[in-house]
C-alpha atoms as a PDB file:
ATOM      1  CA  MET A   1     -56.452 -58.469 -51.994  1.00  0.00           C
ATOM      2  CA  LYS A   2     -53.517 -58.095 -49.625  1.00  0.00           C
ATOM      3  CA  THR A   3     -54.245 -58.575 -45.939  1.00  0.00           C
ATOM      4  CA  ILE A   4     -52.490 -56.228 -43.556  1.00  0.00           C
ATOM      5  CA  ILE A   5     -53.340 -58.055 -40.312  1.00  0.00           C
ATOM      6  CA  LYS A   6     -51.804 -61.526 -40.440  1.00  0.00           C
ATOM      7  CA  ARG A   7     -52.643 -62.918 -36.993  1.00  0.00           C
ATOM      8  CA  PRO A   8     -53.082 -61.924 -33.351  1.00  0.00           C
ATOM      9  CA  LEU A   9     -50.151 -62.645 -31.064  1.00  0.00           C
ATOM     10  CA  ILE A  10     -51.394 -64.277 -27.875  1.00  0.00           C
ATOM     11  CA  THR A  11     -48.555 -64.865 -25.429  1.00  0.00           C
ATOM     12  CA  GLU A  12     -48.186 -64.612 -21.680  1.00  0.00           C
ATOM     13  CA  LYS A  13     -46.504 -61.217 -21.950  1.00  0.00           C
ATOM     14  CA  ASN A  14     -49.150 -59.916 -24.342  1.00  0.00           C
ATOM     15  CA  THR A  15     -51.996 -60.940 -22.023  1.00  0.00           C
ATOM     16  CA  ILE A  16     -50.521 -58.551 -19.452  1.00  0.00           C
ATOM     17  CA  HIS A  17     -50.753 -55.800 -22.102  1.00  0.00           C
ATOM     18  CA  ASN A  18     -54.415 -56.717 -22.733  1.00  0.00           C
ATOM     19  CA  ALA A  19     -55.361 -55.584 -19.232  1.00  0.00           C
ATOM     20  CA  ALA A  20     -54.108 -52.095 -20.153  1.00  0.00           C
ATOM     21  CA  GLY A  21     -56.069 -52.069 -23.426  1.00  0.00           C
ATOM     22  CA  VAL A  22     -53.082 -52.872 -25.673  1.00  0.00           C
ATOM     23  CA  TYR A  23     -53.432 -55.695 -28.213  1.00  0.00           C
ATOM     24  CA  VAL A  24     -50.619 -57.174 -30.303  1.00  0.00           C
ATOM     25  CA  PHE A  25     -50.875 -58.309 -33.945  1.00  0.00           C
ATOM     26  CA  GLU A  26     -48.470 -59.594 -36.553  1.00  0.00           C
ATOM     27  CA  VAL A  27     -48.837 -57.307 -39.566  1.00  0.00           C
ATOM     28  CA  ASP A  28     -47.495 -57.006 -43.108  1.00  0.00           C
ATOM     29  CA  MET A  29     -43.935 -55.636 -43.335  1.00  0.00           C
ATOM     30  CA  LYS A  30     -44.949 -52.889 -45.773  1.00  0.00           C
ATOM     31  CA  ALA A  31     -47.962 -51.652 -43.770  1.00  0.00           C
ATOM     32  CA  ASP A  32     -47.741 -48.251 -42.106  1.00  0.00           C
ATOM     33  CA  LYS A  33     -49.516 -47.075 -38.959  1.00  0.00           C
ATOM     34  CA  SER A  34     -52.442 -45.422 -40.739  1.00  0.00           C
ATOM     35  CA  GLN A  35     -53.177 -48.573 -42.748  1.00  0.00           C
ATOM     36  CA  ILE A  36     -52.981 -50.726 -39.614  1.00  0.00           C
ATOM     37  CA  LYS A  37     -55.321 -48.357 -37.733  1.00  0.00           C
ATOM     38  CA  PHE A  38     -57.884 -48.430 -40.564  1.00  0.00           C
ATOM     39  CA  GLU A  39     -57.850 -52.246 -40.774  1.00  0.00           C
ATOM     40  CA  ILE A  40     -58.157 -52.763 -36.986  1.00  0.00           C
ATOM     41  CA  GLU A  41     -61.053 -50.309 -36.730  1.00  0.00           C
ATOM     42  CA  LYS A  42     -62.806 -51.917 -39.699  1.00  0.00           C
ATOM     43  CA  ALA A  43     -62.267 -55.538 -38.631  1.00  0.00           C
ATOM     44  CA  PHE A  44     -63.105 -55.270 -34.923  1.00  0.00           C
ATOM     45  CA  LYS A  45     -65.348 -52.153 -34.874  1.00  0.00           C
ATOM     46  CA  VAL A  46     -63.328 -50.341 -32.194  1.00  0.00           C
ATOM     47  CA  LYS A  47     -61.595 -46.957 -31.983  1.00  0.00           C
ATOM     48  CA  VAL A  48     -57.792 -47.003 -31.939  1.00  0.00           C
ATOM     49  CA  ASP A  49     -55.989 -44.514 -29.691  1.00  0.00           C
ATOM     50  CA  SER A  50     -52.372 -45.164 -30.713  1.00  0.00           C
ATOM     51  CA  ILE A  51     -50.149 -47.684 -32.493  1.00  0.00           C
ATOM     52  CA  ARG A  52     -46.552 -48.705 -31.923  1.00  0.00           C
ATOM     53  CA  THR A  53     -44.774 -50.894 -34.454  1.00  0.00           C
ATOM     54  CA  SER A  54     -41.658 -52.991 -34.182  1.00  0.00           C
ATOM     55  CA  ILE A  55     -39.699 -55.015 -36.723  1.00  0.00           C
ATOM     56  CA  CYS A  56     -38.495 -58.263 -35.191  1.00  0.00           C
ATOM     57  CA  ARG A  57     -35.240 -59.448 -36.660  1.00  0.00           C
ATOM     58  CA  GLY A  58     -34.775 -62.726 -38.469  1.00  0.00           C
ATOM     59  CA  ARG A  59     -32.260 -65.219 -37.177  1.00  0.00           C
ATOM     60  CA  GLY A  60     -30.626 -68.512 -37.940  1.00  0.00           C
ATOM     61  CA  LYS A  61     -32.182 -71.640 -36.531  1.00  0.00           C
ATOM     62  CA  ALA A  62     -30.579 -75.069 -36.369  1.00  0.00           C
ATOM     63  CA  ASN A  63     -32.497 -78.125 -37.464  1.00  0.00           C
ATOM     64  CA  LYS A  64     -31.516 -81.674 -38.356  1.00  0.00           C
ATOM     65  CA  PHE A  65     -30.616 -80.642 -41.926  1.00  0.00           C
ATOM     66  CA  GLY A  66     -28.244 -77.831 -40.894  1.00  0.00           C
ATOM     67  CA  MET A  67     -29.062 -74.164 -40.544  1.00  0.00           C
ATOM     68  CA  GLY A  68     -32.395 -72.669 -41.514  1.00  0.00           C
ATOM     69  CA  ALA A  69     -33.633 -69.101 -41.436  1.00  0.00           C
ATOM     70  CA  VAL A  70     -36.446 -67.409 -39.544  1.00  0.00           C
ATOM     71  CA  PRO A  71     -37.579 -64.384 -41.593  1.00  0.00           C
ATOM     72  CA  ARG A  72     -38.030 -60.831 -40.331  1.00  0.00           C
ATOM     73  CA  TRP A  73     -41.553 -59.886 -39.299  1.00  0.00           C
ATOM     74  CA  LYS A  74     -43.409 -56.854 -38.024  1.00  0.00           C
ATOM     75  CA  LYS A  75     -45.668 -56.521 -34.999  1.00  0.00           C
ATOM     76  CA  ALA A  76     -48.063 -53.759 -34.025  1.00  0.00           C
ATOM     77  CA  LEU A  77     -49.058 -52.872 -30.473  1.00  0.00           C
ATOM     78  CA  VAL A  78     -52.513 -51.323 -30.767  1.00  0.00           C
ATOM     79  CA  LYS A  79     -53.891 -49.261 -27.879  1.00  0.00           C
ATOM     80  CA  LEU A  80     -57.653 -48.806 -27.866  1.00  0.00           C
ATOM     81  CA  ASN A  81     -59.693 -45.955 -26.429  1.00  0.00           C
ATOM     82  CA  ALA A  82     -60.790 -46.340 -22.805  1.00  0.00           C
ATOM     83  CA  GLY A  83     -63.550 -48.882 -22.260  1.00  0.00           C
ATOM     84  CA  GLU A  84     -63.140 -50.715 -25.590  1.00  0.00           C
ATOM     85  CA  LYS A  85     -62.101 -54.366 -25.913  1.00  0.00           C
ATOM     86  CA  ILE A  86     -61.508 -56.922 -28.655  1.00  0.00           C
ATOM     87  CA  ALA A  87     -63.496 -60.097 -27.938  1.00  0.00           C
ATOM     88  CA  LEU A  88     -60.948 -62.278 -29.758  1.00  0.00           C
ATOM     89  CA  PHE A  89     -58.442 -61.738 -26.924  1.00  0.00           C
ATOM     90  CA  GLU A  90     -60.982 -61.999 -24.114  1.00  0.00           C
ATOM     91  CA  GLY A  91     -61.779 -65.641 -24.863  1.00  0.00           C
ATOM     92  CA  ALA A  92     -65.397 -64.927 -25.796  1.00  0.00           C
END
């Protein structure tokens, strides 16, 4: 079974979004917004208000063996209905 949600993205910038009810996840490149909404609602038992997606570009990265590659990846900014939270991001 293919997983759509790969991992939550917990950064300093994303914690500012959490206060507004927006949570950020790394998702599968082929997933669309309706699939992401279904998986978030099923996994965390919350109601999703809206979703924004963004494809982050890959880039070259130098290491001691020469140049490597960082692949492209997709992130989803998930806004929940008012009053709902995901405990994973709250530290509970």
